[in-house]
N, C-alpha and C. Protein backbone atom coordinates (compact mmCIF):
# COMPACT_ATOMS: atom_id res chain seq x y z
N MET A 1 18.35 -9.17 12.42
CA MET A 1 17.83 -10.40 11.89
C MET A 1 18.58 -10.75 10.61
N GLY A 2 19.69 -10.11 10.36
CA GLY A 2 20.44 -10.36 9.14
C GLY A 2 21.10 -11.72 9.14
N ARG A 3 21.55 -12.13 7.99
CA ARG A 3 22.24 -13.41 7.84
C ARG A 3 23.59 -13.16 7.22
N SER A 4 24.52 -14.05 7.47
CA SER A 4 25.83 -13.89 6.86
C SER A 4 25.77 -14.32 5.40
N ILE A 5 26.72 -13.86 4.63
CA ILE A 5 26.76 -14.18 3.21
C ILE A 5 26.98 -15.67 2.99
N ALA A 6 27.79 -16.29 3.83
CA ALA A 6 28.09 -17.71 3.67
C ALA A 6 26.85 -18.57 3.83
N SER A 7 25.93 -18.18 4.72
CA SER A 7 24.74 -18.99 4.94
C SER A 7 23.64 -18.73 3.92
N ALA A 8 23.85 -17.74 3.06
CA ALA A 8 22.82 -17.42 2.08
C ALA A 8 22.71 -18.48 1.00
N GLY A 9 23.77 -19.25 0.75
CA GLY A 9 23.72 -20.33 -0.23
C GLY A 9 23.66 -19.82 -1.65
N ARG A 10 23.14 -20.65 -2.53
CA ARG A 10 23.06 -20.29 -3.94
C ARG A 10 21.70 -19.72 -4.33
N GLU A 11 20.89 -19.46 -3.37
CA GLU A 11 19.57 -18.90 -3.63
C GLU A 11 19.71 -17.50 -4.23
N ARG A 12 18.79 -17.15 -5.14
CA ARG A 12 18.84 -15.84 -5.78
C ARG A 12 18.61 -14.76 -4.73
N GLN A 13 19.49 -13.78 -4.73
CA GLN A 13 19.43 -12.67 -3.79
C GLN A 13 18.93 -11.43 -4.53
N LEU A 14 17.94 -10.78 -3.99
CA LEU A 14 17.33 -9.62 -4.64
C LEU A 14 17.80 -8.33 -4.00
N LYS A 15 17.96 -7.30 -4.82
CA LYS A 15 18.23 -5.97 -4.31
C LYS A 15 16.95 -5.47 -3.66
N CYS A 16 17.06 -4.42 -2.86
CA CYS A 16 15.88 -3.88 -2.19
C CYS A 16 14.83 -3.44 -3.21
N SER A 17 15.25 -2.81 -4.29
CA SER A 17 14.29 -2.35 -5.30
C SER A 17 13.57 -3.52 -5.94
N GLU A 18 14.29 -4.62 -6.21
CA GLU A 18 13.67 -5.80 -6.81
C GLU A 18 12.69 -6.46 -5.85
N ALA A 19 13.11 -6.58 -4.58
CA ALA A 19 12.26 -7.22 -3.58
C ALA A 19 11.00 -6.38 -3.33
N ALA A 20 11.17 -5.06 -3.27
CA ALA A 20 10.02 -4.18 -3.06
C ALA A 20 9.03 -4.31 -4.22
N ALA A 21 9.55 -4.41 -5.44
CA ALA A 21 8.68 -4.56 -6.60
C ALA A 21 7.92 -5.88 -6.54
N LYS A 22 8.60 -6.96 -6.12
CA LYS A 22 7.93 -8.26 -6.01
C LYS A 22 6.85 -8.24 -4.93
N LEU A 23 7.09 -7.50 -3.86
CA LEU A 23 6.12 -7.42 -2.78
C LEU A 23 5.01 -6.41 -3.07
N GLY A 24 5.25 -5.52 -4.03
CA GLY A 24 4.25 -4.51 -4.36
C GLY A 24 4.24 -3.37 -3.36
N ILE A 25 5.40 -3.07 -2.78
CA ILE A 25 5.52 -1.98 -1.81
C ILE A 25 6.68 -1.09 -2.23
N CYS A 26 6.80 0.06 -1.61
CA CYS A 26 7.93 0.93 -1.93
C CYS A 26 9.15 0.49 -1.11
N GLU A 27 10.32 0.94 -1.56
CA GLU A 27 11.56 0.55 -0.88
C GLU A 27 11.59 0.99 0.57
N ARG A 28 11.06 2.16 0.84
CA ARG A 28 11.07 2.65 2.21
C ARG A 28 10.29 1.72 3.14
N THR A 29 9.14 1.25 2.66
CA THR A 29 8.34 0.31 3.45
C THR A 29 9.10 -0.99 3.65
N LEU A 30 9.77 -1.46 2.61
CA LEU A 30 10.57 -2.68 2.73
C LEU A 30 11.64 -2.50 3.79
N ARG A 31 12.31 -1.37 3.80
CA ARG A 31 13.35 -1.12 4.81
C ARG A 31 12.77 -1.07 6.21
N ARG A 32 11.56 -0.55 6.35
CA ARG A 32 10.89 -0.57 7.66
C ARG A 32 10.60 -2.01 8.09
N TYR A 33 10.13 -2.83 7.14
CA TYR A 33 9.87 -4.23 7.43
C TYR A 33 11.16 -4.93 7.86
N MET A 34 12.26 -4.62 7.18
CA MET A 34 13.55 -5.24 7.53
C MET A 34 13.97 -4.83 8.94
N LYS A 35 13.82 -3.55 9.25
CA LYS A 35 14.21 -3.04 10.56
C LYS A 35 13.36 -3.66 11.67
N ALA A 36 12.07 -3.90 11.35
CA ALA A 36 11.15 -4.48 12.33
C ALA A 36 11.29 -6.00 12.43
N GLY A 37 12.09 -6.60 11.54
CA GLY A 37 12.28 -8.04 11.58
C GLY A 37 11.16 -8.82 10.91
N ARG A 38 10.38 -8.16 10.07
CA ARG A 38 9.26 -8.83 9.41
C ARG A 38 9.70 -9.60 8.16
N ILE A 39 10.89 -9.30 7.64
CA ILE A 39 11.39 -9.99 6.45
C ILE A 39 12.87 -10.27 6.65
N ARG A 40 13.28 -11.44 6.23
CA ARG A 40 14.66 -11.90 6.39
C ARG A 40 15.54 -11.23 5.34
N PHE A 41 16.77 -10.85 5.72
CA PHE A 41 17.71 -10.20 4.82
C PHE A 41 19.13 -10.44 5.31
N HIS A 42 20.10 -10.04 4.51
CA HIS A 42 21.47 -9.98 4.97
C HIS A 42 22.13 -8.75 4.38
N ARG A 43 23.23 -8.34 4.99
CA ARG A 43 23.91 -7.12 4.59
C ARG A 43 25.26 -7.45 3.99
N LEU A 44 25.57 -6.82 2.89
CA LEU A 44 26.85 -7.02 2.24
C LEU A 44 27.92 -6.17 2.93
N PRO A 45 29.20 -6.50 2.74
CA PRO A 45 30.26 -5.72 3.40
C PRO A 45 30.21 -4.23 3.06
N GLY A 46 29.75 -3.88 1.88
CA GLY A 46 29.66 -2.48 1.50
C GLY A 46 28.46 -1.75 2.08
N GLY A 47 27.59 -2.45 2.82
CA GLY A 47 26.44 -1.83 3.46
C GLY A 47 25.13 -2.04 2.73
N HIS A 48 25.17 -2.63 1.54
CA HIS A 48 23.94 -2.87 0.80
C HIS A 48 23.21 -4.09 1.38
N PHE A 49 21.91 -4.15 1.16
CA PHE A 49 21.10 -5.25 1.65
C PHE A 49 20.72 -6.17 0.51
N ARG A 50 20.57 -7.46 0.84
CA ARG A 50 20.06 -8.44 -0.11
C ARG A 50 18.98 -9.25 0.59
N ILE A 51 17.92 -9.54 -0.17
CA ILE A 51 16.79 -10.29 0.36
C ILE A 51 16.66 -11.58 -0.43
N PRO A 52 16.75 -12.75 0.21
CA PRO A 52 16.58 -14.01 -0.51
C PRO A 52 15.16 -14.14 -1.04
N GLU A 53 15.00 -14.76 -2.19
CA GLU A 53 13.66 -14.93 -2.76
C GLU A 53 12.75 -15.71 -1.82
N SER A 54 13.32 -16.67 -1.09
CA SER A 54 12.49 -17.45 -0.17
C SER A 54 11.93 -16.57 0.96
N ALA A 55 12.64 -15.48 1.30
CA ALA A 55 12.14 -14.58 2.35
C ALA A 55 10.85 -13.90 1.91
N ILE A 56 10.74 -13.63 0.61
CA ILE A 56 9.51 -13.02 0.10
C ILE A 56 8.36 -14.01 0.20
N GLU A 57 8.64 -15.27 -0.16
CA GLU A 57 7.60 -16.30 -0.05
C GLU A 57 7.18 -16.49 1.41
N GLU A 58 8.16 -16.48 2.33
CA GLU A 58 7.86 -16.60 3.76
C GLU A 58 6.99 -15.43 4.22
N PHE A 59 7.35 -14.23 3.76
CA PHE A 59 6.59 -13.04 4.15
C PHE A 59 5.14 -13.17 3.71
N TRP A 60 4.93 -13.58 2.45
CA TRP A 60 3.57 -13.69 1.95
C TRP A 60 2.80 -14.81 2.64
N SER A 61 3.44 -15.92 2.94
CA SER A 61 2.73 -17.00 3.62
C SER A 61 2.31 -16.55 5.02
N GLU A 62 3.16 -15.81 5.70
CA GLU A 62 2.81 -15.29 7.02
C GLU A 62 1.72 -14.24 6.92
N HIS A 63 1.83 -13.38 5.95
CA HIS A 63 0.84 -12.32 5.76
C HIS A 63 -0.52 -12.92 5.42
N ASP A 64 -0.55 -13.88 4.51
CA ASP A 64 -1.81 -14.51 4.12
C ASP A 64 -2.44 -15.24 5.30
N ARG A 65 -1.61 -15.89 6.12
CA ARG A 65 -2.12 -16.63 7.27
C ARG A 65 -2.76 -15.67 8.27
N ARG A 66 -2.09 -14.55 8.55
CA ARG A 66 -2.65 -13.57 9.47
C ARG A 66 -3.95 -13.01 8.93
N HIS A 67 -3.96 -12.69 7.65
CA HIS A 67 -5.16 -12.13 7.02
C HIS A 67 -6.31 -13.12 7.10
N THR A 68 -6.04 -14.37 6.84
CA THR A 68 -7.07 -15.41 6.87
C THR A 68 -7.62 -15.57 8.29
N ARG A 69 -6.73 -15.60 9.29
CA ARG A 69 -7.18 -15.74 10.67
C ARG A 69 -8.06 -14.57 11.08
N ALA A 70 -7.68 -13.35 10.70
CA ALA A 70 -8.47 -12.17 11.06
C ALA A 70 -9.85 -12.23 10.39
N ALA A 71 -9.89 -12.67 9.15
CA ALA A 71 -11.18 -12.78 8.45
C ALA A 71 -12.06 -13.84 9.10
N ASP A 72 -11.45 -14.95 9.55
CA ASP A 72 -12.22 -16.00 10.22
C ASP A 72 -12.80 -15.50 11.53
N ARG A 73 -12.00 -14.76 12.30
CA ARG A 73 -12.49 -14.22 13.57
C ARG A 73 -13.63 -13.24 13.34
N ALA A 74 -13.50 -12.40 12.32
CA ALA A 74 -14.55 -11.43 12.04
C ALA A 74 -15.84 -12.13 11.63
N ALA A 75 -15.72 -13.21 10.87
CA ALA A 75 -16.91 -13.95 10.45
C ALA A 75 -17.59 -14.62 11.64
N GLU A 76 -16.79 -15.07 12.64
CA GLU A 76 -17.36 -15.72 13.82
C GLU A 76 -18.14 -14.73 14.68
N THR A 77 -17.67 -13.49 14.78
CA THR A 77 -18.33 -12.51 15.64
C THR A 77 -19.52 -11.86 14.98
N ARG A 78 -19.61 -11.92 13.65
CA ARG A 78 -20.71 -11.32 12.92
C ARG A 78 -21.94 -12.22 13.03
N PRO A 79 -23.12 -11.66 13.30
CA PRO A 79 -24.33 -12.48 13.36
C PRO A 79 -24.60 -13.14 12.02
N ALA A 80 -25.20 -14.31 12.07
CA ALA A 80 -25.49 -15.07 10.85
C ALA A 80 -26.45 -14.28 9.97
N GLY A 81 -26.20 -14.32 8.69
CA GLY A 81 -27.07 -13.66 7.73
C GLY A 81 -26.78 -12.19 7.52
N LYS A 82 -25.93 -11.62 8.34
CA LYS A 82 -25.59 -10.20 8.19
C LYS A 82 -24.30 -10.10 7.40
N ALA A 83 -24.38 -9.49 6.26
CA ALA A 83 -23.19 -9.28 5.44
C ALA A 83 -22.47 -8.02 5.91
N ARG A 84 -21.19 -8.02 5.75
CA ARG A 84 -20.40 -6.86 6.12
C ARG A 84 -20.56 -5.81 5.04
N ARG A 85 -20.89 -4.59 5.46
CA ARG A 85 -21.04 -3.51 4.50
C ARG A 85 -19.67 -2.98 4.11
N PRO A 86 -19.46 -2.74 2.83
CA PRO A 86 -18.18 -2.16 2.44
C PRO A 86 -18.07 -0.73 2.95
N SER A 87 -16.88 -0.34 3.34
CA SER A 87 -16.68 1.02 3.82
C SER A 87 -16.70 1.97 2.62
N PRO A 88 -17.16 3.18 2.83
CA PRO A 88 -17.19 4.11 1.71
C PRO A 88 -15.78 4.43 1.25
N SER A 89 -15.65 4.71 -0.02
CA SER A 89 -14.33 5.01 -0.55
C SER A 89 -13.85 6.34 0.02
N PRO A 90 -12.54 6.53 0.12
CA PRO A 90 -12.03 7.78 0.68
C PRO A 90 -12.46 9.00 -0.12
N SER A 91 -12.76 8.81 -1.41
CA SER A 91 -13.13 9.96 -2.22
C SER A 91 -14.64 10.18 -2.26
N ALA A 92 -15.40 9.41 -1.47
CA ALA A 92 -16.86 9.58 -1.48
C ALA A 92 -17.20 10.98 -0.98
N GLY A 93 -18.03 11.67 -1.72
CA GLY A 93 -18.46 13.00 -1.34
C GLY A 93 -17.54 14.11 -1.81
N ARG A 94 -16.42 13.79 -2.39
CA ARG A 94 -15.51 14.82 -2.88
C ARG A 94 -15.95 15.28 -4.27
N ARG A 95 -15.53 16.47 -4.59
CA ARG A 95 -15.81 17.00 -5.92
C ARG A 95 -14.88 16.32 -6.91
N PRO A 96 -15.28 16.23 -8.18
CA PRO A 96 -14.40 15.64 -9.18
C PRO A 96 -13.15 16.51 -9.37
N ALA A 97 -12.10 15.90 -9.87
CA ALA A 97 -10.86 16.62 -10.11
C ALA A 97 -11.09 17.71 -11.15
N LEU A 98 -10.25 18.75 -11.10
CA LEU A 98 -10.38 19.83 -12.07
C LEU A 98 -10.23 19.30 -13.48
N GLY A 99 -11.09 19.74 -14.34
CA GLY A 99 -11.06 19.28 -15.72
C GLY A 99 -11.94 18.06 -15.95
N CYS A 100 -12.42 17.43 -14.87
CA CYS A 100 -13.26 16.23 -14.98
C CYS A 100 -14.71 16.51 -14.60
N GLU A 101 -15.04 17.79 -14.36
CA GLU A 101 -16.39 18.13 -13.96
C GLU A 101 -17.33 18.05 -15.16
N PRO A 102 -18.62 17.87 -14.91
CA PRO A 102 -19.58 17.95 -16.02
C PRO A 102 -19.56 19.36 -16.60
N PRO A 103 -19.78 19.52 -17.89
CA PRO A 103 -19.68 20.84 -18.51
C PRO A 103 -20.68 21.86 -17.96
N ASP A 104 -21.83 21.42 -17.47
CA ASP A 104 -22.83 22.36 -16.95
C ASP A 104 -22.58 22.74 -15.50
N GLU A 105 -21.47 22.31 -14.93
CA GLU A 105 -21.14 22.55 -13.52
C GLU A 105 -20.88 24.04 -13.26
N TYR A 106 -20.23 24.73 -14.18
CA TYR A 106 -19.85 26.12 -13.98
C TYR A 106 -20.50 27.01 -15.02
N ASP A 107 -20.97 28.15 -14.55
CA ASP A 107 -21.52 29.16 -15.46
C ASP A 107 -20.44 30.21 -15.65
N LEU A 108 -19.84 30.23 -16.83
CA LEU A 108 -18.76 31.16 -17.11
C LEU A 108 -19.21 32.31 -18.01
N SER A 109 -20.49 32.56 -18.00
CA SER A 109 -21.00 33.68 -18.80
C SER A 109 -20.51 34.99 -18.19
N PRO A 110 -20.43 36.06 -19.01
CA PRO A 110 -19.96 37.35 -18.47
C PRO A 110 -20.79 37.84 -17.28
N ALA A 111 -22.10 37.61 -17.32
CA ALA A 111 -22.95 38.06 -16.21
C ALA A 111 -22.62 37.29 -14.93
N ALA A 112 -22.42 35.96 -15.03
CA ALA A 112 -22.09 35.16 -13.85
C ALA A 112 -20.73 35.55 -13.30
N LEU A 113 -19.77 35.81 -14.16
CA LEU A 113 -18.45 36.21 -13.70
C LEU A 113 -18.50 37.58 -13.01
N GLU A 114 -19.32 38.47 -13.51
CA GLU A 114 -19.46 39.78 -12.88
C GLU A 114 -20.08 39.65 -11.49
N ARG A 115 -21.08 38.75 -11.33
CA ARG A 115 -21.66 38.51 -10.00
C ARG A 115 -20.60 37.97 -9.03
N LEU A 116 -19.75 37.08 -9.49
CA LEU A 116 -18.67 36.55 -8.64
C LEU A 116 -17.70 37.66 -8.24
N ARG A 117 -17.33 38.50 -9.19
CA ARG A 117 -16.41 39.60 -8.89
C ARG A 117 -17.02 40.53 -7.84
N ALA A 118 -18.32 40.76 -7.95
CA ALA A 118 -19.00 41.65 -7.00
C ALA A 118 -19.00 41.05 -5.60
N GLN A 119 -19.04 39.72 -5.47
CA GLN A 119 -19.02 39.07 -4.15
C GLN A 119 -17.70 39.31 -3.44
N PHE A 120 -16.63 39.41 -4.17
CA PHE A 120 -15.30 39.49 -3.56
C PHE A 120 -14.72 40.90 -3.54
N ARG A 121 -15.52 41.89 -3.87
CA ARG A 121 -15.03 43.29 -3.81
C ARG A 121 -15.21 43.87 -2.47
């Protein structure tokens, strides 16, 4: 889906890192999108890729349109008056990260540590 350099015109051409930053994705994801034909690009003679700024706008307009259509379909199939429940966060039910626990979470008294040692002997 690449384009020749001559047809690129005077439009600002972005490096992959710049385009990925504008899209809010990593470069690897951008390259997957390019390979899948989801975003317009062209290749330089040295093998580097350039993405026109308008291709980013096209990508977002297509993405927003798909997202809007999917939301409309979901609203049509949902019974009236029933709100969609948010899904639980991926970290729901997990323990807090080390160092972020409440201070009373662990008993580090010598007696408690001795009981723990006895469990694993």
